[in-house]
Amino acid sequence: MAELQVATSSGKNITLDDRIVGGLRSGLRGELLRASDVGYEDARGLWNGMIDKRPALIVRCASAEDVILAVGFARENDLLVAVRGGGHSVGGTATCNSELMIELSPMKGVRVNPERRTVYAEGGITIGELDKETQVFALATPMGVVSETGIAGLTLGGGIGWLRRKHGLSCDNLVSAEVVTADGRLLASSASENEDLFWGLRGGEGNFGIVTSFEYRLHPVGPEVMFCFVFYHGDETKEALRFYRMYASTAPDEVTSFVIRGTVPDVEPFPESIHGLPYVLFAAMYAGPVDEGERAMRPLREFGEPLIDFSGSMPYIEVQSLLDEDYPAGELRYYWKSLYLDDLDDEAIDRIIEHTAKRPSPLSTVDVWHMGGAIGRVGAEESAFGGRESPFLLGVEANWENPREDERNIAWARKCVEDMQRFSGGAQYLNFPGFLEEGDKTLQSTFGDKHERLVALKNRYDPTNLFHLNQNIKPTV
């Protein structure tokens, strides 16, 4: 094995000889991959086609002990650390160039306790894998809306999905977690053990360590649910958003919904007659009996004359994976931004329509997510998550294919969010951050008064900022 050139976290280049690298390899239950090894290309890949980086070493961890070894190796050799769970991060923070990636995807343990209504899951599990196990018992915990997303990054950033208004965020349903900290300790964290760390894990991103396992609270859901998925012509967007504002103001917590403005793709099952048309989509799920859901969401289906209506009763697992095909791994380039909205007044609606019309790519969308319900019933200071008091979330998704179009699409997303700041306090959903540039004040505006408490946590658990490939809270010690 040849000597390995790596870049350190301080920016210097060093050489790791065979003895040092071999020592790490021999201690692992999992794999250690270099660029020449079989499996390296698959292991380094991320969902976002914009991200093309080549770590010097990839540790494919099989256990928490492997994570501890990898963290110690990085610390001793001053290596930058990237942590990959599901590899679904929009900003690409799960990888790095010429340094060390700690990959959790081989860690797939899941245990459901139907009597206690809890589930234990290791850090490499995806949403779809978790749902498959819990739905055996007609139980679920709130997760995101694309089944290939990893539970780890989703939960640490909050976790907004189809159960959010009835049962809250992913992080709100976290019961406990095990964390490998920068000094190599494996800490249990819950409401009664290392409470300060537990507070920071719930929405504070991956700043304080590598979470190797999660325990969640489960709720009765499914197996069949009522789902609304109805498309109207884009020319009706203004009336549709006004109607949606009124509908959302009285919708029961069982209804979780959002509106998407985009372009009908040239694919089945959409009929050719509507290919390429602008659309406004009402998407909603009812967390309760199917017949109740059909009645509660009927107004969304009767707003006007639909282009097409895919609504109906379907398995909860199918709802969770319904959007997967819209976000293929590695095939598209993604740059997303978000902004919590204080209101959805007529001026905000007009601006949304204007920016949607300027999309450079027909694959891009502008989305309005209805928040509130159970999200707002958790006290603002009970977790690190910021923005839970807002009634709506604006999602700006730039999705495109051609690398030569990067600049146009990124500029569109940034301009849209910058302009919409007038309707917001400035907080963003940190799982849809785009890429935070130096000097960006997003974290301060999102966390508000909690930012200082997060800095104190960082000082305690990661004072050297070993874990800084994330929405980073910088230590001050």
Protein backbone atom coordinates (compact mmCIF):
# COMPACT_ATOMS: atom_id res chain seq x y z
CA MET A 1 0.00 0.00 0.00
CA ALA A 2 1.46 3.37 -1.03
CA GLU A 3 1.83 6.33 1.27
CA LEU A 4 -1.28 8.48 1.48
CA GLN A 5 -1.31 12.23 0.96
CA VAL A 6 -3.99 13.95 3.02
CA ALA A 7 -4.97 17.51 3.89
CA THR A 8 -5.31 18.42 7.55
CA SER A 9 -8.05 20.51 9.10
CA SER A 10 -5.56 23.36 9.41
CA GLY A 11 -4.95 23.33 5.65
CA LYS A 12 -1.55 21.61 5.60
CA ASN A 13 -0.70 18.54 3.52
CA ILE A 14 0.77 15.56 5.34
CA THR A 15 1.70 11.98 4.50
CA LEU A 16 0.19 9.02 6.33
CA ASP A 17 2.36 5.95 5.98
CA ASP A 18 1.17 2.37 5.67
CA ARG A 19 1.72 1.65 9.34
CA ILE A 20 -0.60 4.44 10.50
CA VAL A 21 -3.34 3.63 8.00
CA GLY A 22 -2.96 -0.10 8.58
CA GLY A 23 -3.34 0.41 12.31
CA LEU A 24 -6.73 1.99 11.78
CA ARG A 25 -7.80 -0.72 9.34
CA SER A 26 -6.87 -3.55 11.70
CA GLY A 27 -8.98 -2.16 14.53
CA LEU A 28 -12.21 -1.81 12.55
CA ARG A 29 -15.12 -4.20 12.29
CA GLY A 30 -16.14 -2.32 9.17
CA GLU A 31 -14.15 -1.32 6.08
CA LEU A 32 -11.48 1.26 5.39
CA LEU A 33 -11.53 2.43 1.77
CA ARG A 34 -8.98 4.30 -0.30
CA ALA A 35 -9.55 5.62 -3.82
CA SER A 36 -8.13 2.44 -5.39
CA ASP A 37 -10.39 0.07 -3.41
CA VAL A 38 -13.50 -1.67 -4.71
CA GLY A 39 -16.56 0.08 -3.32
CA TYR A 40 -14.89 3.48 -2.93
CA GLU A 41 -16.86 5.18 -5.73
CA ASP A 42 -20.21 4.04 -4.35
CA ALA A 43 -19.25 4.98 -0.80
CA ARG A 44 -18.14 8.52 -1.68
CA GLY A 45 -21.22 9.37 -3.75
CA LEU A 46 -23.92 11.73 -2.54
CA TRP A 47 -27.47 12.32 -3.65
CA ASN A 48 -26.78 15.85 -4.94
CA GLY A 49 -25.18 15.63 -8.38
CA MET A 50 -23.45 18.98 -7.78
CA ILE A 51 -21.17 17.41 -5.17
CA ASP A 52 -18.14 15.55 -6.53
CA LYS A 53 -15.49 15.18 -3.85
CA ARG A 54 -12.90 12.50 -3.16
CA PRO A 55 -12.05 11.77 0.48
CA ALA A 56 -8.59 10.34 1.10
CA LEU A 57 -10.07 7.70 3.41
CA ILE A 58 -13.59 6.42 3.99
CA VAL A 59 -14.35 4.52 7.20
CA ARG A 60 -17.48 2.43 6.67
CA CYS A 61 -18.44 1.93 10.29
CA ALA A 62 -20.13 -1.26 11.45
CA SER A 63 -20.54 -0.16 15.07
CA ALA A 64 -20.21 2.73 17.50
CA GLU A 65 -16.76 1.36 18.35
CA ASP A 66 -15.72 1.91 14.74
CA VAL A 67 -16.92 5.50 14.99
CA ILE A 68 -14.85 6.01 18.15
CA LEU A 69 -11.75 4.64 16.39
CA ALA A 70 -12.32 6.86 13.36
CA VAL A 71 -12.84 9.99 15.47
CA GLY A 72 -9.67 9.23 17.44
CA PHE A 73 -7.72 8.72 14.22
CA ALA A 74 -8.95 12.05 12.86
CA ARG A 75 -8.15 13.87 16.09
CA GLU A 76 -4.65 12.40 16.40
CA ASN A 77 -3.78 13.20 12.78
CA ASP A 78 -5.52 16.61 12.62
CA LEU A 79 -7.84 15.48 9.82
CA LEU A 80 -10.99 17.20 8.66
CA VAL A 81 -14.02 14.98 9.32
CA ALA A 82 -17.12 14.57 7.17
CA VAL A 83 -19.98 12.41 8.45
CA ARG A 84 -22.22 10.55 6.00
CA GLY A 85 -25.46 8.92 7.11
CA GLY A 86 -27.92 8.67 4.22
CA GLY A 87 -25.85 10.97 1.98
CA HIS A 88 -28.93 13.09 1.22
CA SER A 89 -27.67 16.48 2.38
CA VAL A 90 -28.48 19.28 -0.04
CA GLY A 91 -25.34 21.24 0.78
CA GLY A 92 -22.99 18.27 0.44
CA THR A 93 -21.53 18.56 3.93
CA ALA A 94 -21.39 14.76 4.22
CA THR A 95 -18.16 14.59 2.23
CA CYS A 96 -14.80 16.30 1.80
CA ASN A 97 -11.72 16.36 -0.42
CA SER A 98 -8.48 14.57 0.52
CA GLU A 99 -9.46 13.95 4.12
CA LEU A 100 -11.61 11.55 6.20
CA MET A 101 -15.24 10.55 5.66
CA ILE A 102 -16.91 8.62 8.48
CA GLU A 103 -19.76 6.70 6.87
CA LEU A 104 -22.60 5.25 8.93
CA SER A 105 -24.65 3.59 6.18
CA PRO A 106 -23.61 0.02 7.18
CA MET A 107 -25.14 0.60 10.63
CA LYS A 108 -28.67 -0.68 9.96
CA GLY A 109 -29.91 -2.00 13.29
CA VAL A 110 -33.62 -1.40 14.06
CA ARG A 111 -35.67 -2.64 17.04
CA VAL A 112 -39.35 -1.81 17.46
CA ASN A 113 -40.98 -2.05 20.90
CA PRO A 114 -44.72 -2.01 20.11
CA GLU A 115 -45.73 -2.14 23.78
CA ARG A 116 -43.74 0.97 24.69
CA ARG A 117 -44.33 2.47 21.24
CA THR A 118 -40.69 3.24 20.67
CA VAL A 119 -38.13 2.33 18.03
CA TYR A 120 -34.35 2.14 18.28
CA ALA A 121 -32.47 2.80 15.03
CA GLU A 122 -28.79 3.08 14.19
CA GLY A 123 -27.37 6.10 12.41
CA GLY A 124 -27.21 4.57 8.92
CA ILE A 125 -30.94 3.93 8.60
CA THR A 126 -33.04 5.75 5.99
CA ILE A 127 -36.65 6.88 6.38
CA GLY A 128 -37.91 4.06 4.16
CA GLU A 129 -36.04 1.42 6.14
CA LEU A 130 -37.40 2.75 9.42
CA ASP A 131 -40.99 2.96 8.16
CA LYS A 132 -40.82 -0.61 6.86
CA GLU A 133 -40.14 -1.89 10.38
CA THR A 134 -42.56 0.31 12.32
CA GLN A 135 -45.47 -0.14 9.91
CA VAL A 136 -45.51 -3.87 10.69
CA PHE A 137 -47.22 -2.68 13.89
CA ALA A 138 -49.15 0.19 12.21
CA LEU A 139 -46.88 2.65 14.01
CA ALA A 140 -44.74 5.54 12.76
CA THR A 141 -42.63 8.42 13.95
CA PRO A 142 -42.55 11.76 12.10
CA MET A 143 -39.95 11.75 9.34
CA GLY A 144 -39.40 13.60 6.05
CA VAL A 145 -41.13 13.26 2.67
CA VAL A 146 -38.48 11.38 0.65
CA SER A 147 -37.88 7.81 1.82
CA GLU A 148 -34.21 7.69 0.76
CA THR A 149 -33.29 10.43 3.26
CA GLY A 150 -31.17 9.36 6.24
CA ILE A 151 -32.84 9.68 9.63
CA ALA A 152 -29.70 11.15 11.24
CA GLY A 153 -29.26 14.41 9.35
CA LEU A 154 -33.02 14.86 9.09
CA THR A 155 -33.55 14.58 12.85
CA LEU A 156 -30.59 16.72 13.85
CA GLY A 157 -31.89 19.49 11.58
CA GLY A 158 -35.48 19.21 12.86
CA GLY A 159 -37.33 16.84 10.56
CA ILE A 160 -40.41 18.18 8.73
CA GLY A 161 -42.71 15.57 7.18
CA TRP A 162 -46.26 14.31 6.66
CA LEU A 163 -46.98 13.90 10.39
CA ARG A 164 -45.66 17.26 11.55
CA ARG A 165 -48.94 18.95 12.47
CA LYS A 166 -50.38 15.93 14.30
CA HIS A 167 -47.24 14.56 15.99
CA GLY A 168 -44.56 17.24 15.60
CA LEU A 169 -41.06 17.15 14.15
CA SER A 170 -38.65 14.23 14.06
CA CYS A 171 -36.56 15.89 16.77
CA ASP A 172 -39.67 16.41 18.93
CA ASN A 173 -40.15 12.63 19.03
CA LEU A 174 -36.55 11.82 19.92
CA VAL A 175 -36.48 9.94 23.25
CA SER A 176 -32.75 9.33 23.52
CA ALA A 177 -29.56 9.18 21.48
CA GLU A 178 -26.02 7.85 21.73
CA VAL A 179 -23.31 10.25 20.63
CA VAL A 180 -19.58 9.92 19.96
CA THR A 181 -18.04 13.23 20.97
CA ALA A 182 -14.85 14.83 19.68
CA ASP A 183 -12.81 13.40 22.55
CA GLY A 184 -13.92 9.85 21.71
CA ARG A 185 -16.51 9.28 24.43
CA LEU A 186 -19.79 7.47 23.72
CA LEU A 187 -22.43 9.42 25.65
CA ALA A 188 -26.05 8.55 26.29
CA SER A 189 -28.30 11.56 25.94
CA SER A 190 -31.93 12.03 26.95
CA ALA A 191 -34.19 14.25 29.02
CA SER A 192 -32.59 12.78 32.16
CA GLU A 193 -28.99 12.15 31.04
CA ASN A 194 -26.66 14.74 29.53
CA GLU A 195 -29.71 16.92 29.13
CA ASP A 196 -27.80 19.86 27.66
CA LEU A 197 -26.50 17.70 24.81
CA PHE A 198 -29.97 16.25 24.24
CA TRP A 199 -31.35 19.79 23.94
CA GLY A 200 -28.74 20.66 21.30
CA LEU A 201 -29.25 17.51 19.25
CA ARG A 202 -32.89 18.39 18.68
CA GLY A 203 -32.50 20.86 15.84
CA GLY A 204 -28.94 22.04 16.51
CA GLU A 205 -27.51 20.08 13.55
CA GLY A 206 -24.51 17.74 13.81
CA ASN A 207 -22.32 20.20 15.68
CA PHE A 208 -21.63 18.27 18.87
CA GLY A 209 -20.70 14.77 17.83
CA ILE A 210 -21.67 11.78 15.70
CA VAL A 211 -25.01 10.25 16.68
CA THR A 212 -24.69 6.49 16.33
CA SER A 213 -28.24 5.59 17.42
CA PHE A 214 -31.63 7.20 17.93
CA GLU A 215 -34.67 6.19 19.95
CA TYR A 216 -38.01 7.65 18.84
CA ARG A 217 -41.53 7.78 20.16
CA LEU A 218 -44.05 6.02 17.88
CA HIS A 219 -47.69 6.83 17.10
CA PRO A 220 -50.56 4.85 15.57
CA VAL A 221 -50.48 5.61 11.84
CA GLY A 222 -51.81 3.63 8.90
CA PRO A 223 -51.34 1.19 7.43
CA GLU A 224 -53.81 3.00 5.10
CA VAL A 225 -54.11 6.79 5.06
CA MET A 226 -56.04 9.30 2.97
CA PHE A 227 -53.76 11.28 0.69
CA CYS A 228 -54.60 14.33 -1.44
CA PHE A 229 -52.51 14.95 -4.54
CA VAL A 230 -54.39 17.19 -6.96
CA PHE A 231 -52.97 19.38 -9.74
CA TYR A 232 -54.57 22.60 -11.01
CA HIS A 233 -53.47 24.85 -13.86
CA GLY A 234 -50.70 27.26 -12.89
CA ASP A 235 -52.77 30.20 -14.09
CA GLU A 236 -54.87 29.66 -10.96
CA THR A 237 -51.95 30.03 -8.57
CA LYS A 238 -53.06 33.31 -7.02
CA GLU A 239 -56.57 32.10 -6.32
CA ALA A 240 -55.22 28.72 -5.16
CA LEU A 241 -52.82 30.26 -2.64
CA ARG A 242 -55.51 32.59 -1.30
CA PHE A 243 -57.83 29.61 -0.94
CA TYR A 244 -55.06 27.58 0.71
CA ARG A 245 -54.41 30.38 3.21
CA MET A 246 -58.08 30.23 4.25
CA TYR A 247 -58.16 26.42 4.30
CA ALA A 248 -55.00 26.18 6.40
CA SER A 249 -56.39 28.58 9.01
CA THR A 250 -59.11 26.09 10.01
CA ALA A 251 -57.62 22.71 9.01
CA PRO A 252 -57.44 20.16 11.85
CA ASP A 253 -54.04 19.02 13.08
CA GLU A 254 -54.56 15.68 11.36
CA VAL A 255 -54.16 17.45 8.00
CA THR A 256 -50.56 18.13 7.01
CA SER A 257 -50.22 19.85 3.66
CA PHE A 258 -48.23 22.01 1.31
CA VAL A 259 -48.62 23.74 -2.03
CA ILE A 260 -46.14 23.25 -4.87
CA ARG A 261 -45.83 25.47 -7.95
CA GLY A 262 -44.00 23.85 -10.86
CA THR A 263 -44.23 22.44 -14.40
CA VAL A 264 -45.90 19.15 -15.37
CA PRO A 265 -43.12 16.71 -16.41
CA ASP A 266 -43.17 14.82 -19.71
CA VAL A 267 -43.57 11.44 -18.02
CA GLU A 268 -46.26 8.95 -17.15
CA PRO A 269 -48.71 8.84 -15.47
CA PHE A 270 -49.35 12.43 -16.59
CA PRO A 271 -51.32 12.47 -19.88
CA GLU A 272 -49.53 14.04 -22.85
CA SER A 273 -52.20 16.74 -23.06
CA ILE A 274 -50.87 18.42 -19.91
CA HIS A 275 -47.12 17.86 -20.37
CA GLY A 276 -45.22 21.13 -19.94
CA LEU A 277 -48.11 23.06 -18.42
CA PRO A 278 -47.55 25.15 -15.28
CA TYR A 279 -49.27 23.61 -12.28
CA VAL A 280 -50.19 24.42 -8.70
CA LEU A 281 -50.41 21.27 -6.57
CA PHE A 282 -52.23 20.65 -3.30
CA ALA A 283 -50.53 17.77 -1.48
CA ALA A 284 -51.87 16.67 1.90
CA MET A 285 -52.10 13.66 4.20
CA TYR A 286 -54.58 12.91 6.96
CA ALA A 287 -53.17 11.27 10.12
CA GLY A 288 -56.35 9.44 11.10
CA PRO A 289 -59.19 7.31 9.68
CA VAL A 290 -59.42 7.33 5.89
CA ASP A 291 -63.10 8.34 5.76
CA GLU A 292 -62.46 11.32 8.05
CA GLY A 293 -59.53 12.31 5.87
CA GLU A 294 -61.57 12.16 2.70
CA ARG A 295 -64.08 14.62 4.18
CA ALA A 296 -61.47 16.92 5.74
CA MET A 297 -59.44 17.28 2.53
CA ARG A 298 -62.34 17.35 0.06
CA PRO A 299 -62.16 21.18 -0.22
CA LEU A 300 -58.64 20.88 -1.65
CA ARG A 301 -59.96 18.55 -4.34
CA GLU A 302 -62.96 20.76 -5.13
CA PHE A 303 -61.14 24.08 -5.41
CA GLY A 304 -61.59 24.08 -9.21
CA GLU A 305 -61.31 21.90 -12.28
CA PRO A 306 -58.15 19.80 -11.80
CA LEU A 307 -55.63 18.97 -14.49
CA ILE A 308 -55.39 15.57 -12.81
CA ASP A 309 -56.20 14.16 -9.38
CA PHE A 310 -54.17 11.28 -7.92
CA SER A 311 -55.85 11.47 -4.49
CA GLY A 312 -57.09 8.42 -2.63
CA SER A 313 -56.51 5.92 0.12
CA MET A 314 -53.03 4.40 0.03
CA PRO A 315 -50.50 2.74 2.33
CA TYR A 316 -48.57 5.14 4.51
CA ILE A 317 -45.30 3.65 3.23
CA GLU A 318 -46.37 4.53 -0.31
CA VAL A 319 -47.05 8.13 0.72
CA GLN A 320 -43.58 8.30 2.25
CA SER A 321 -41.94 7.26 -1.03
CA LEU A 322 -44.27 9.05 -3.44
CA LEU A 323 -41.83 11.92 -4.12
CA ASP A 324 -38.70 9.77 -4.44
CA GLU A 325 -38.73 9.72 -8.24
CA ASP A 326 -38.77 13.52 -8.36
CA TYR A 327 -35.38 13.63 -6.62
CA PRO A 328 -33.17 10.95 -8.24
CA ALA A 329 -29.81 10.37 -6.60
CA GLY A 330 -26.81 11.66 -8.54
CA GLU A 331 -28.78 12.57 -11.68
CA LEU A 332 -29.76 16.16 -10.91
CA ARG A 333 -28.11 19.19 -9.42
CA TYR A 334 -29.83 20.63 -6.36
CA TYR A 335 -29.59 24.00 -4.64
CA TRP A 336 -32.32 24.62 -2.08
CA LYS A 337 -33.14 27.52 0.19
CA SER A 338 -35.90 28.08 2.72
CA LEU A 339 -37.47 30.79 4.80
CA TYR A 340 -40.11 30.77 7.52
CA LEU A 341 -42.94 33.15 6.64
CA ASP A 342 -44.78 35.27 9.18
CA ASP A 343 -47.86 35.27 6.96
CA LEU A 344 -49.09 34.41 3.50
CA ASP A 345 -50.67 37.72 2.61
CA ASP A 346 -51.54 38.88 -0.90
CA GLU A 347 -48.24 40.67 -1.39
CA ALA A 348 -46.29 37.54 -0.44
CA ILE A 349 -48.42 35.51 -2.85
CA ASP A 350 -47.71 37.96 -5.67
CA ARG A 351 -43.97 37.75 -5.04
CA ILE A 352 -44.09 33.94 -5.00
CA ILE A 353 -45.84 33.95 -8.36
CA GLU A 354 -43.36 36.42 -9.82
CA HIS A 355 -40.31 34.41 -8.73
CA THR A 356 -41.81 31.12 -9.86
CA ALA A 357 -42.28 32.57 -13.35
CA LYS A 358 -38.53 33.34 -13.51
CA ARG A 359 -37.32 29.79 -12.82
CA PRO A 360 -34.46 28.92 -15.20
CA SER A 361 -35.31 25.21 -14.98
CA PRO A 362 -38.73 23.56 -15.40
CA LEU A 363 -37.66 21.04 -12.75
CA SER A 364 -37.49 23.74 -10.07
CA THR A 365 -40.37 24.45 -7.71
CA VAL A 366 -41.49 26.95 -5.08
CA ASP A 367 -43.30 25.34 -2.17
CA VAL A 368 -45.38 26.62 0.74
CA TRP A 369 -45.52 24.26 3.73
CA HIS A 370 -48.24 24.66 6.35
CA MET A 371 -46.68 24.48 9.82
CA GLY A 372 -48.33 24.96 13.22
CA GLY A 373 -50.30 22.29 15.04
CA ALA A 374 -48.13 20.07 17.22
CA ILE A 375 -44.99 21.92 16.07
CA GLY A 376 -46.13 25.11 17.77
CA ARG A 377 -47.16 23.36 20.99
CA VAL A 378 -43.54 22.59 21.88
CA GLY A 379 -42.00 25.49 23.75
CA ALA A 380 -39.44 27.50 21.81
CA GLU A 381 -36.83 26.92 24.52
CA GLU A 382 -37.44 23.18 24.89
CA SER A 383 -35.12 22.31 21.99
CA ALA A 384 -32.52 23.97 19.80
CA PHE A 385 -34.83 23.97 16.77
CA GLY A 386 -35.60 27.49 15.56
CA GLY A 387 -38.65 28.73 13.66
CA ARG A 388 -41.38 26.55 15.12
CA GLU A 389 -43.69 29.50 15.80
CA SER A 390 -44.06 30.37 12.09
CA PRO A 391 -47.31 29.44 10.30
CA PHE A 392 -45.65 28.70 6.92
CA LEU A 393 -42.33 27.61 5.47
CA LEU A 394 -41.25 28.72 2.00
CA GLY A 395 -39.15 26.17 0.15
CA VAL A 396 -37.22 27.28 -2.95
CA GLU A 397 -35.93 24.23 -4.82
CA ALA A 398 -33.58 24.83 -7.74
CA ASN A 399 -33.30 21.47 -9.55
CA TRP A 400 -31.57 21.19 -12.94
CA GLU A 401 -29.44 18.90 -15.12
CA ASN A 402 -26.77 20.87 -17.01
CA PRO A 403 -23.63 21.92 -15.04
CA ARG A 404 -23.33 24.94 -17.34
CA GLU A 405 -26.58 26.21 -15.81
CA ASP A 406 -25.29 26.19 -12.22
CA GLU A 407 -24.83 29.93 -11.90
CA ARG A 408 -28.28 30.86 -13.25
CA ASN A 409 -30.15 28.40 -11.05
CA ILE A 410 -28.25 29.22 -7.88
CA ALA A 411 -28.71 32.95 -8.48
CA TRP A 412 -32.46 32.46 -8.96
CA ALA A 413 -32.85 30.61 -5.65
CA ARG A 414 -30.80 33.17 -3.75
CA LYS A 415 -32.65 36.13 -5.23
CA CYS A 416 -36.02 34.60 -4.46
CA VAL A 417 -35.19 34.02 -0.78
CA GLU A 418 -33.50 37.42 -0.46
CA ASP A 419 -36.59 39.15 -1.80
CA MET A 420 -38.96 37.15 0.43
CA GLN A 421 -37.06 38.19 3.57
CA ARG A 422 -39.52 41.09 3.91
CA PHE A 423 -42.19 38.54 4.93
CA SER A 424 -40.01 36.74 7.45
CA GLY A 425 -38.01 37.13 10.62
CA GLY A 426 -35.08 35.59 8.79
CA ALA A 427 -35.12 32.05 10.23
CA GLN A 428 -34.55 29.15 7.84
CA TYR A 429 -35.13 25.41 7.96
CA LEU A 430 -31.55 24.19 8.24
CA ASN A 431 -32.14 20.99 6.27
CA PHE A 432 -32.80 23.21 3.21
CA PRO A 433 -29.93 25.69 3.55
CA GLY A 434 -28.23 25.77 0.17
CA PHE A 435 -24.59 26.45 0.94
CA LEU A 436 -23.80 28.88 3.75
CA GLU A 437 -21.00 31.23 2.75
CA GLU A 438 -18.54 32.85 5.16
CA GLY A 439 -20.25 35.66 7.03
CA ASP A 440 -23.75 34.28 6.45
CA LYS A 441 -26.00 35.25 9.40
CA THR A 442 -28.53 32.45 8.83
CA LEU A 443 -27.63 30.57 12.02
CA GLN A 444 -27.94 33.65 14.21
CA SER A 445 -31.30 34.61 12.71
CA THR A 446 -32.59 31.02 12.91
CA PHE A 447 -31.52 30.25 16.48
CA GLY A 448 -31.94 33.75 17.87
CA ASP A 449 -31.28 33.92 21.62
CA LYS A 450 -30.47 30.19 21.61
CA HIS A 451 -27.34 30.74 19.53
CA GLU A 452 -25.24 31.63 22.60
CA ARG A 453 -26.40 28.48 24.36
CA LEU A 454 -25.38 26.44 21.31
CA VAL A 455 -21.95 28.08 21.32
CA ALA A 456 -21.56 27.08 24.97
CA LEU A 457 -22.44 23.49 24.04
CA LYS A 458 -19.89 23.57 21.24
CA ASN A 459 -17.25 24.84 23.65
CA ARG A 460 -18.00 21.94 25.97
CA TYR A 461 -18.30 19.03 23.53
CA ASP A 462 -16.20 20.09 20.53
CA PRO A 463 -13.91 22.98 21.50
CA THR A 464 -11.52 22.37 18.55
CA ASN A 465 -14.41 22.32 16.03
CA LEU A 466 -13.54 18.82 14.80
CA PHE A 467 -17.11 18.53 13.53
CA HIS A 468 -17.48 21.62 11.40
CA LEU A 469 -18.74 20.24 8.09
CA ASN A 470 -22.32 21.09 9.02
CA GLN A 471 -24.36 24.24 9.62
CA ASN A 472 -21.52 25.10 11.94
CA ILE A 473 -21.73 26.63 15.38
CA LYS A 474 -18.18 27.88 15.96
CA PRO A 475 -16.61 27.46 19.40
CA THR A 476 -15.15 30.49 21.15
CA VAL A 477 -12.57 28.72 23.33
